[in-house]
Protein backbone atom coordinates (compact mmCIF):
# COMPACT_ATOMS: atom_id res chain seq x y z
CA UNK A 1 -30.72 8.57 -27.35
CA UNK A 2 -28.06 6.88 -25.74
CA UNK A 3 -26.17 6.85 -28.47
CA UNK A 4 -26.35 10.99 -28.43
CA UNK A 5 -25.56 11.23 -24.98
CA UNK A 6 -22.69 9.04 -25.27
CA UNK A 7 -21.36 11.14 -28.15
CA UNK A 8 -22.06 14.09 -26.06
CA UNK A 9 -20.02 12.48 -23.24
CA UNK A 10 -17.57 15.29 -23.64
CA UNK A 11 -19.89 18.37 -23.17
CA UNK A 12 -21.93 17.12 -20.25
CA UNK A 13 -18.66 16.16 -18.83
CA UNK A 14 -17.19 19.38 -19.33
CA UNK A 15 -20.37 21.19 -17.85
CA UNK A 16 -20.71 19.07 -15.29
CA UNK A 17 -17.49 19.96 -13.64
CA UNK A 18 -18.54 23.60 -14.67
CA UNK A 19 -21.33 23.30 -12.42
CA UNK A 20 -19.70 22.07 -9.93
CA UNK A 21 -17.19 24.63 -9.62
CA UNK A 22 -20.17 27.62 -9.98
CA UNK A 23 -21.93 26.15 -6.62
CA UNK A 24 -18.66 25.99 -4.69
CA UNK A 25 -18.05 29.04 -6.09
CA UNK A 26 -21.38 30.85 -5.06
CA UNK A 27 -21.45 29.27 -1.89
CA UNK A 28 -17.17 30.03 -1.01
CA UNK A 29 -17.99 33.92 -1.74
CA UNK A 30 -21.01 33.84 0.18
CA UNK A 31 -19.74 33.08 3.40
CA UNK A 32 -16.22 34.72 2.98
CA UNK A 33 -18.09 37.96 2.09
CA UNK A 34 -19.33 37.94 5.35
CA UNK A 35 -16.02 36.74 6.93
CA UNK A 36 -14.37 39.53 5.60
CA UNK A 37 -16.70 42.13 6.54
CA UNK A 38 -18.43 43.37 3.79
CA UNK A 39 -21.56 45.87 4.50
CA UNK A 40 -24.79 45.00 3.46
CA UNK A 41 -24.73 47.47 0.70
CA UNK A 42 -21.61 45.90 -0.14
CA UNK A 43 -22.66 42.55 -0.34
CA UNK A 44 -25.41 43.35 -2.34
CA UNK A 45 -23.57 45.12 -5.15
CA UNK A 46 -20.61 42.72 -5.22
CA UNK A 47 -23.16 39.75 -5.72
CA UNK A 48 -25.17 41.75 -8.33
CA UNK A 49 -22.18 42.37 -10.78
CA UNK A 50 -22.98 38.40 -11.45
CA UNK A 51 -25.96 38.77 -12.62
CA UNK A 52 -25.36 41.99 -13.98
CA UNK A 53 -22.36 40.37 -16.35
CA UNK A 54 -24.66 37.61 -16.88
CA UNK A 55 -27.33 39.85 -19.02
CA UNK A 56 -24.60 41.66 -20.74
CA UNK A 57 -23.20 38.04 -22.05
CA UNK A 58 -26.60 36.67 -22.88
CA UNK A 59 -26.90 39.85 -25.27
CA UNK A 60 -23.29 39.95 -26.56
CA UNK A 61 -21.91 36.29 -26.67
CA UNK A 62 -24.56 34.57 -29.74
CA UNK A 63 -22.74 37.32 -31.74
CA UNK A 64 -19.43 36.45 -30.70
CA UNK A 65 -20.35 32.82 -30.59
CA UNK A 66 -21.30 33.38 -34.68
CA UNK A 67 -17.81 35.08 -35.23
CA UNK A 68 -15.40 33.07 -33.72
CA UNK A 69 -16.94 29.39 -33.17
CA UNK A 70 -18.03 27.96 -30.44
CA UNK A 71 -14.67 26.05 -29.16
CA UNK A 72 -12.87 29.10 -28.87
CA UNK A 73 -15.43 30.98 -26.86
CA UNK A 74 -15.27 27.93 -24.24
CA UNK A 75 -12.11 28.00 -24.11
CA UNK A 76 -11.72 31.94 -23.90
CA UNK A 77 -14.08 32.06 -20.77
CA UNK A 78 -13.74 29.23 -19.20
CA UNK A 79 -9.94 30.30 -18.74
CA UNK A 80 -11.18 33.53 -18.02
CA UNK A 81 -13.55 32.17 -15.30
CA UNK A 82 -10.85 29.93 -14.09
CA UNK A 83 -8.54 33.42 -13.37
CA UNK A 84 -11.54 35.23 -12.34
CA UNK A 85 -11.80 33.06 -9.06
CA UNK A 86 -8.31 33.04 -8.03
CA UNK A 87 -8.20 36.86 -8.49
CA UNK A 88 -11.05 36.68 -5.37
CA UNK A 89 -8.55 35.38 -2.81
CA UNK A 90 -5.77 37.77 -4.08
CA UNK A 91 -7.71 41.11 -4.27
CA UNK A 92 -10.26 41.29 -0.90
CA UNK A 93 -11.84 44.65 -1.72
CA UNK A 94 -15.86 44.83 -2.60
CA UNK A 95 -15.17 46.97 -6.05
CA UNK A 96 -12.57 44.28 -6.84
CA UNK A 97 -14.80 41.70 -6.20
CA UNK A 98 -17.86 43.28 -8.22
CA UNK A 99 -15.38 43.27 -11.42
CA UNK A 100 -14.67 39.84 -10.78
CA UNK A 101 -18.41 38.83 -10.41
CA UNK A 102 -19.20 40.54 -13.74
CA UNK A 103 -16.37 38.66 -15.00
CA UNK A 104 -17.36 35.26 -13.93
CA UNK A 105 -21.37 35.98 -14.91
CA UNK A 106 -20.18 37.00 -18.14
CA UNK A 107 -17.91 34.06 -18.47
CA UNK A 108 -20.05 31.39 -17.56
CA UNK A 109 -23.36 32.62 -19.19
CA UNK A 110 -21.12 32.40 -22.51
CA UNK A 111 -20.16 28.48 -21.38
CA UNK A 112 -24.16 27.98 -20.96
CA UNK A 113 -24.73 29.31 -24.52
CA UNK A 114 -22.00 27.47 -25.81
CA UNK A 115 -23.08 24.12 -24.29
CA UNK A 116 -27.10 24.58 -24.62
CA UNK A 117 -26.62 25.56 -28.45
CA UNK A 118 -23.81 22.49 -29.18
CA UNK A 119 -26.78 20.33 -27.47
CA UNK A 120 -29.39 21.75 -29.46
CA UNK A 121 -27.69 20.65 -32.43
CA UNK A 122 -27.23 17.21 -31.14
CA UNK A 123 -31.03 16.84 -30.72
CA UNK A 124 -33.25 15.74 -33.13
CA UNK A 125 -37.18 15.44 -32.66
CA UNK A 126 -37.05 11.66 -31.29
CA UNK A 127 -34.29 12.38 -28.81
CA UNK A 128 -34.57 16.59 -27.88
CA UNK A 129 -36.36 15.55 -24.85
CA UNK A 130 -34.69 12.89 -23.33
CA UNK A 131 -31.57 15.13 -23.75
CA UNK A 132 -33.06 18.24 -22.13
CA UNK A 133 -34.01 15.59 -19.06
CA UNK A 134 -30.22 14.61 -18.82
CA UNK A 135 -28.73 17.69 -19.23
CA UNK A 136 -31.19 18.32 -16.56
CA UNK A 137 -30.13 15.90 -14.37
CA UNK A 138 -26.19 16.71 -14.79
CA UNK A 139 -26.99 20.36 -13.77
CA UNK A 140 -28.99 19.68 -10.74
CA UNK A 141 -26.83 16.61 -9.30
CA UNK A 142 -23.43 18.83 -10.33
CA UNK A 143 -24.96 22.01 -8.42
CA UNK A 144 -25.85 19.88 -5.21
CA UNK A 145 -22.57 18.21 -5.34
CA UNK A 146 -20.64 21.20 -5.60
CA UNK A 147 -22.33 22.98 -2.26
CA UNK A 148 -21.32 20.11 -0.41
CA UNK A 149 -17.39 20.55 -1.74
CA UNK A 150 -17.16 23.32 0.66
CA UNK A 151 -16.78 21.14 3.52
CA UNK A 152 -13.32 19.91 2.49
CA UNK A 153 -11.58 22.62 3.40
CA UNK A 154 -11.89 26.20 5.89
CA UNK A 155 -13.28 28.48 3.66
CA UNK A 156 -10.32 31.38 5.47
CA UNK A 157 -7.81 29.32 3.13
CA UNK A 158 -7.02 29.08 -0.53
CA UNK A 159 -7.31 25.98 -1.22
CA UNK A 160 -11.19 25.88 -2.52
CA UNK A 161 -10.67 29.03 -4.62
CA UNK A 162 -7.43 26.59 -6.13
CA UNK A 163 -10.23 23.63 -6.46
CA UNK A 164 -12.58 25.90 -8.36
CA UNK A 165 -10.15 26.95 -10.86
CA UNK A 166 -8.94 23.71 -11.16
CA UNK A 167 -12.59 22.54 -12.03
CA UNK A 168 -12.98 24.81 -14.53
CA UNK A 169 -9.70 24.39 -16.01
CA UNK A 170 -10.15 20.65 -16.20
CA UNK A 171 -13.54 21.27 -17.78
CA UNK A 172 -11.63 22.19 -20.56
CA UNK A 173 -9.86 19.27 -21.53
CA UNK A 174 -13.05 17.26 -22.97
CA UNK A 175 -14.60 20.14 -25.34
CA UNK A 176 -11.24 20.76 -26.67
CA UNK A 177 -10.12 17.11 -27.23
CA UNK A 178 -13.62 16.49 -28.67
CA UNK A 179 -13.44 14.99 -32.57
CA UNK A 180 -17.09 16.29 -33.07
CA UNK A 181 -17.35 19.46 -35.22
CA UNK A 182 -18.81 22.50 -33.17
CA UNK A 183 -22.24 22.97 -34.65
CA UNK A 184 -23.39 25.93 -37.22
CA UNK A 185 -25.17 28.78 -34.81
CA UNK A 186 -27.70 30.86 -35.19
CA UNK A 187 -28.26 34.04 -32.93
CA UNK A 188 -31.82 34.11 -30.68
CA UNK A 189 -34.59 35.99 -32.08
CA UNK A 190 -36.37 38.08 -30.25
CA UNK A 191 -39.45 40.03 -29.68
CA UNK A 192 -39.79 43.43 -28.05
CA UNK A 193 -40.33 43.82 -24.39
CA UNK A 194 -43.32 45.86 -25.14
CA UNK A 195 -44.81 43.07 -27.59
CA UNK A 196 -44.05 40.31 -24.95
CA UNK A 197 -46.06 42.07 -22.34
CA UNK A 198 -49.00 42.70 -24.70
CA UNK A 199 -49.18 39.59 -25.47
CA UNK A 200 -48.68 37.78 -21.80
CA UNK A 201 -48.74 40.36 -18.92
CA UNK A 202 -48.48 38.04 -16.57
CA UNK A 203 -45.44 36.30 -17.80
CA UNK A 204 -43.70 39.63 -18.13
CA UNK A 205 -44.75 40.72 -14.40
CA UNK A 206 -43.87 37.02 -13.30
CA UNK A 207 -40.36 36.72 -14.49
CA UNK A 208 -39.06 39.58 -13.67
CA UNK A 209 -40.48 39.41 -10.41
CA UNK A 210 -39.26 35.44 -9.86
CA UNK A 211 -35.56 37.01 -10.88
CA UNK A 212 -35.89 39.66 -8.39
CA UNK A 213 -36.62 36.37 -6.19
CA UNK A 214 -33.89 33.90 -7.67
CA UNK A 215 -30.94 36.41 -7.48
CA UNK A 216 -31.44 36.79 -3.55
CA UNK A 217 -32.26 33.38 -3.12
CA UNK A 218 -29.32 31.81 -4.53
CA UNK A 219 -27.08 34.68 -4.56
CA UNK A 220 -27.61 35.69 -0.66
CA UNK A 221 -28.29 32.75 1.21
CA UNK A 222 -24.73 31.85 2.08
CA UNK A 223 -25.09 35.49 3.36
CA UNK A 224 -27.64 34.94 5.59
CA UNK A 225 -26.25 31.43 6.77
CA UNK A 226 -23.26 33.00 7.85
CA UNK A 227 -25.14 36.00 9.39
CA UNK A 228 -26.90 33.78 11.65
CA UNK A 229 -24.08 31.85 12.88
CA UNK A 230 -24.97 28.57 10.70
CA UNK A 231 -21.59 26.54 10.49
CA UNK A 232 -20.00 25.68 6.99
CA UNK A 233 -21.52 22.22 6.60
CA UNK A 234 -25.40 23.45 7.67
CA UNK A 235 -25.11 26.36 4.78
CA UNK A 236 -24.02 23.80 2.30
CA UNK A 237 -27.34 21.39 3.37
CA UNK A 238 -29.19 24.66 3.13
CA UNK A 239 -28.36 25.39 -0.32
CA UNK A 240 -28.53 21.34 -1.30
CA UNK A 241 -31.98 21.07 0.32
CA UNK A 242 -33.06 24.53 -1.85
CA UNK A 243 -31.95 23.17 -5.16
CA UNK A 244 -32.47 19.32 -4.63
CA UNK A 245 -36.27 19.89 -3.47
CA UNK A 246 -36.93 22.94 -6.07
CA UNK A 247 -35.56 20.25 -9.08
CA UNK A 248 -37.77 17.54 -7.67
CA UNK A 249 -41.29 19.33 -7.88
CA UNK A 250 -40.39 21.01 -11.22
CA UNK A 251 -41.96 18.09 -13.37
CA UNK A 252 -45.41 17.74 -10.97
CA UNK A 253 -45.90 21.42 -10.72
CA UNK A 254 -45.88 21.41 -14.45
CA UNK A 255 -48.07 18.80 -15.47
CA UNK A 256 -50.70 20.13 -12.83
CA UNK A 257 -50.14 23.50 -14.60
CA UNK A 258 -51.29 21.61 -17.88
CA UNK A 259 -54.75 20.71 -16.83
CA UNK A 260 -55.57 24.10 -14.96
CA UNK A 261 -55.64 27.78 -15.83
CA UNK A 262 -52.23 28.71 -14.90
CA UNK A 263 -52.46 31.85 -13.43
CA UNK A 264 -54.05 30.52 -11.00
CA UNK A 265 -51.25 28.19 -10.43
CA UNK A 266 -49.18 30.96 -10.33
CA UNK A 267 -51.76 32.63 -7.55
CA UNK A 268 -51.28 29.40 -5.46
CA UNK A 269 -47.45 29.26 -5.74
CA UNK A 270 -46.79 32.46 -4.91
CA UNK A 271 -49.47 32.33 -1.78
CA UNK A 272 -47.61 29.07 -0.52
CA UNK A 273 -44.39 30.69 -0.90
CA UNK A 274 -45.51 33.81 0.90
CA UNK A 275 -46.68 31.46 4.01
CA UNK A 276 -43.62 29.09 3.95
CA UNK A 277 -41.47 32.54 3.75
CA UNK A 278 -43.40 34.08 6.95
CA UNK A 279 -42.91 30.70 8.84
CA UNK A 280 -39.24 30.71 8.06
CA UNK A 281 -39.04 34.40 9.44
CA UNK A 282 -40.77 33.42 12.56
CA UNK A 283 -39.51 30.23 13.40
CA UNK A 284 -36.42 29.68 11.57
CA UNK A 285 -34.64 30.95 14.65
CA UNK A 286 -35.76 28.46 16.86
CA UNK A 287 -33.98 25.34 15.28
CA UNK A 288 -31.94 24.76 12.20
CA UNK A 289 -34.38 22.15 11.08
CA UNK A 290 -37.58 24.00 10.91
CA UNK A 291 -35.68 26.56 8.98
CA UNK A 292 -35.24 23.74 6.37
CA UNK A 293 -38.29 22.43 6.54
CA UNK A 294 -39.67 26.19 5.30
CA UNK A 295 -36.92 26.78 2.79
CA UNK A 296 -37.47 23.68 1.16
CA UNK A 297 -41.06 24.37 0.92
CA UNK A 298 -40.67 27.47 -0.66
CA UNK A 299 -38.13 26.00 -2.81
CA UNK A 300 -40.61 23.39 -4.00
CA UNK A 301 -42.91 26.22 -4.96
CA UNK A 302 -40.73 28.82 -6.36
CA UNK A 303 -38.28 26.57 -8.79
CA UNK A 304 -41.04 25.59 -10.84
CA UNK A 305 -42.65 29.10 -10.63
CA UNK A 306 -40.13 30.22 -13.69
CA UNK A 307 -41.08 27.23 -15.61
CA UNK A 308 -44.93 27.85 -15.32
CA UNK A 309 -44.59 31.67 -16.19
CA UNK A 310 -42.88 30.84 -19.21
CA UNK A 311 -45.63 27.99 -20.15
CA UNK A 312 -48.33 30.34 -19.36
CA UNK A 313 -46.68 32.66 -22.05
CA UNK A 314 -46.85 30.09 -24.45
CA UNK A 315 -50.80 29.33 -24.37
CA UNK A 316 -50.89 32.92 -25.92
CA UNK A 317 -48.36 32.66 -28.59
CA UNK A 318 -48.31 31.82 -32.13
CA UNK A 319 -46.63 28.54 -32.69
CA UNK A 320 -43.77 30.86 -34.96
CA UNK A 321 -43.45 33.25 -31.84
CA UNK A 322 -43.01 30.71 -28.94
CA UNK A 323 -38.83 30.80 -29.33
CA UNK A 324 -38.58 34.63 -30.23
CA UNK A 325 -41.05 35.14 -27.14
CA UNK A 326 -39.28 32.39 -24.66
CA UNK A 327 -35.48 34.35 -25.69
CA UNK A 328 -37.34 37.92 -24.87
CA UNK A 329 -38.64 36.59 -21.49
CA UNK A 330 -35.21 35.28 -20.31
CA UNK A 331 -33.86 39.06 -20.70
CA UNK A 332 -36.69 40.07 -18.60
CA UNK A 333 -35.58 37.86 -16.02
CA UNK A 334 -32.29 38.52 -15.82
CA UNK A 335 -33.21 42.69 -15.98
CA UNK A 336 -34.99 41.16 -12.26
CA UNK A 337 -31.56 39.08 -11.27
CA UNK A 338 -29.34 42.12 -11.39
CA UNK A 339 -31.46 44.08 -9.30
CA UNK A 340 -32.00 41.28 -6.46
CA UNK A 341 -29.17 40.91 -4.63
CA UNK A 342 -28.70 44.82 -4.10
CA UNK A 343 -32.35 45.05 -2.98
CA UNK A 344 -32.29 42.29 -0.92
CA UNK A 345 -29.11 43.63 0.93
CA UNK A 346 -30.69 46.70 1.93
CA UNK A 347 -33.82 44.48 3.70
CA UNK A 348 -31.31 42.77 5.60
CA UNK A 349 -29.07 46.19 6.32
CA UNK A 350 -32.61 47.16 7.91
CA UNK A 351 -34.07 44.35 9.44
CA UNK A 352 -31.04 42.42 9.83
CA UNK A 353 -30.32 38.75 8.72
CA UNK A 354 -33.87 37.68 8.23
CA UNK A 355 -34.65 40.98 6.02
CA UNK A 356 -33.44 38.22 3.29
CA UNK A 357 -37.07 36.56 3.67
CA UNK A 358 -38.53 39.84 3.64
CA UNK A 359 -37.24 40.72 1.03
CA UNK A 360 -38.91 38.13 -1.26
CA UNK A 361 -42.14 38.01 1.17
CA UNK A 362 -42.52 41.96 -0.28
CA UNK A 363 -41.70 40.52 -4.11
CA UNK A 364 -44.22 37.93 -3.86
CA UNK A 365 -47.25 40.19 -2.15
CA UNK A 366 -46.69 42.86 -4.62
CA UNK A 367 -47.15 40.31 -7.49
CA UNK A 368 -50.16 38.02 -5.80
CA UNK A 369 -52.80 41.44 -6.41
CA UNK A 370 -51.51 41.62 -9.85
CA UNK A 371 -51.88 37.67 -10.61
CA UNK A 372 -55.22 37.90 -8.78
CA UNK A 373 -56.39 41.06 -10.93
CA UNK A 374 -55.10 39.22 -14.21
CA UNK A 375 -57.23 35.98 -13.27
CA UNK A 376 -60.47 38.62 -12.88
CA UNK A 377 -59.59 39.54 -16.64
CA UNK A 378 -60.22 36.49 -18.10
CA UNK A 379 -58.82 35.01 -20.94
CA UNK A 380 -58.48 37.70 -23.95
CA UNK A 381 -56.18 35.74 -26.42
CA UNK A 382 -57.78 34.41 -29.47
CA UNK A 383 -55.01 32.35 -29.86
CA UNK A 384 -55.67 30.22 -26.44
CA UNK A 385 -57.59 26.80 -26.74
CA UNK A 386 -55.78 24.27 -24.78
CA UNK A 387 -52.76 24.38 -22.46
CA UNK A 388 -49.56 24.10 -24.72
CA UNK A 389 -47.58 21.45 -23.10
CA UNK A 390 -45.40 22.49 -19.78
CA UNK A 391 -41.54 23.27 -20.16
CA UNK A 392 -39.42 22.03 -17.12
CA UNK A 393 -36.12 24.16 -17.45
CA UNK A 394 -33.55 25.32 -15.05
CA UNK A 395 -33.23 28.98 -13.81
CA UNK A 396 -29.87 29.15 -15.22
CA UNK A 397 -31.22 28.54 -19.03
CA UNK A 398 -30.02 30.79 -21.34
CA UNK A 399 -31.57 31.94 -24.59
CA UNK A 400 -30.30 29.68 -26.64
CA UNK A 401 -31.43 26.74 -23.71
CA UNK A 402 -34.90 28.19 -23.72
CA UNK A 403 -34.66 27.57 -27.74
CA UNK A 404 -34.06 23.72 -27.00
CA UNK A 405 -36.84 23.75 -25.09
CA UNK A 406 -39.34 25.51 -26.82
CA UNK A 407 -38.01 23.62 -30.13
CA UNK A 408 -39.44 20.73 -27.91
CA UNK A 409 -42.88 22.28 -27.02
CA UNK A 410 -43.25 22.99 -30.43
CA UNK A 411 -42.70 19.52 -31.48
CA UNK A 412 -45.21 18.40 -28.97
CA UNK A 413 -48.04 20.69 -30.25
CA UNK A 414 -47.54 19.45 -33.85
CA UNK A 415 -47.95 16.22 -32.54
CA UNK A 416 -50.89 17.02 -30.94
CA UNK A 417 -52.20 18.86 -34.00
CA UNK A 418 -51.63 15.70 -36.32
CA UNK A 419 -53.62 13.56 -33.62
CA UNK A 420 -56.45 16.08 -33.43
CA UNK A 421 -56.88 15.79 -37.62
């Protein structure tokens, strides 16, 4: 396994630099959107632009990679992403930023697809699990480090924009100079949205709902912090806690969900999320540290939520359907993410900055009764016997990354079948 990681150093180095830039960029633009006096509605549609570009890229980029290859796509879209962040500084207007955010979303989704498909090609049955784990370590540590880079320079100056562009450009070097051949590429398989809903209604609704939450949670956290008067350092710590705590709790919650009805686990996570957000809304203004505590509690249950949703869906799919089902579920999640920032900004316009929490409370409160109803229905799938192994995945996973994770799950299922026979 270590040999595979060492042989993939260029991939992990390039991806780590991209994630540093991605985290810094989101934090910087959040703060400056408030600094430049964008209205709440303008902020909403600007940050929805990233997820709109991400959605289109998830659909189109696999075809592009198949036609021109991994390295060309990575180079083209890393260059485009590097240019896009500089344009945010040159042209400060919400409509222009919307276009730039769409370009950025399209570019970063393409980069994720390239990296994850390359990683999938390098993995075999013996090393896939360890590679996924190392990939997640690189992702989360890079993201945590990226948000802290915001403290290097005032956000009102051009230096941080230039730093982001440099990080993305430098990420090109190890990838383009690698001697390893680019992998063969197969476009992801999808099942229809209707078929996915019929197979697992709770997974469908849960994936869409958590997409609505995630895009607001990560897309507007800096906006919320700037609006309530937090310092740049405090905003970076808030982002750090949100990412780090969520990453830490993915594994234990995933393992717990292997032993119980996952719909019950999802309902418990949902109720804890509601409670934490209510307390953040009521008590967050009294102390920054109290606000951090409840943001951390919410992160601990919200980031693992998507992984539990996917694992729940897999409980109701045939082994050969898992990859296509998971790929489709990423599109459902992306549809929710497109709408999240715009809807959340409307709540912030009506309720003030703390409408940020009100929005997420409303989403969870809409999902909870449906979740409870699905529990009362009981399991109706003839396929279900035991829970499939849990999937631990980052929220940014593309359809190709989902294929990497589901390959690992299928291997575990086959091992369990062999042990039982």
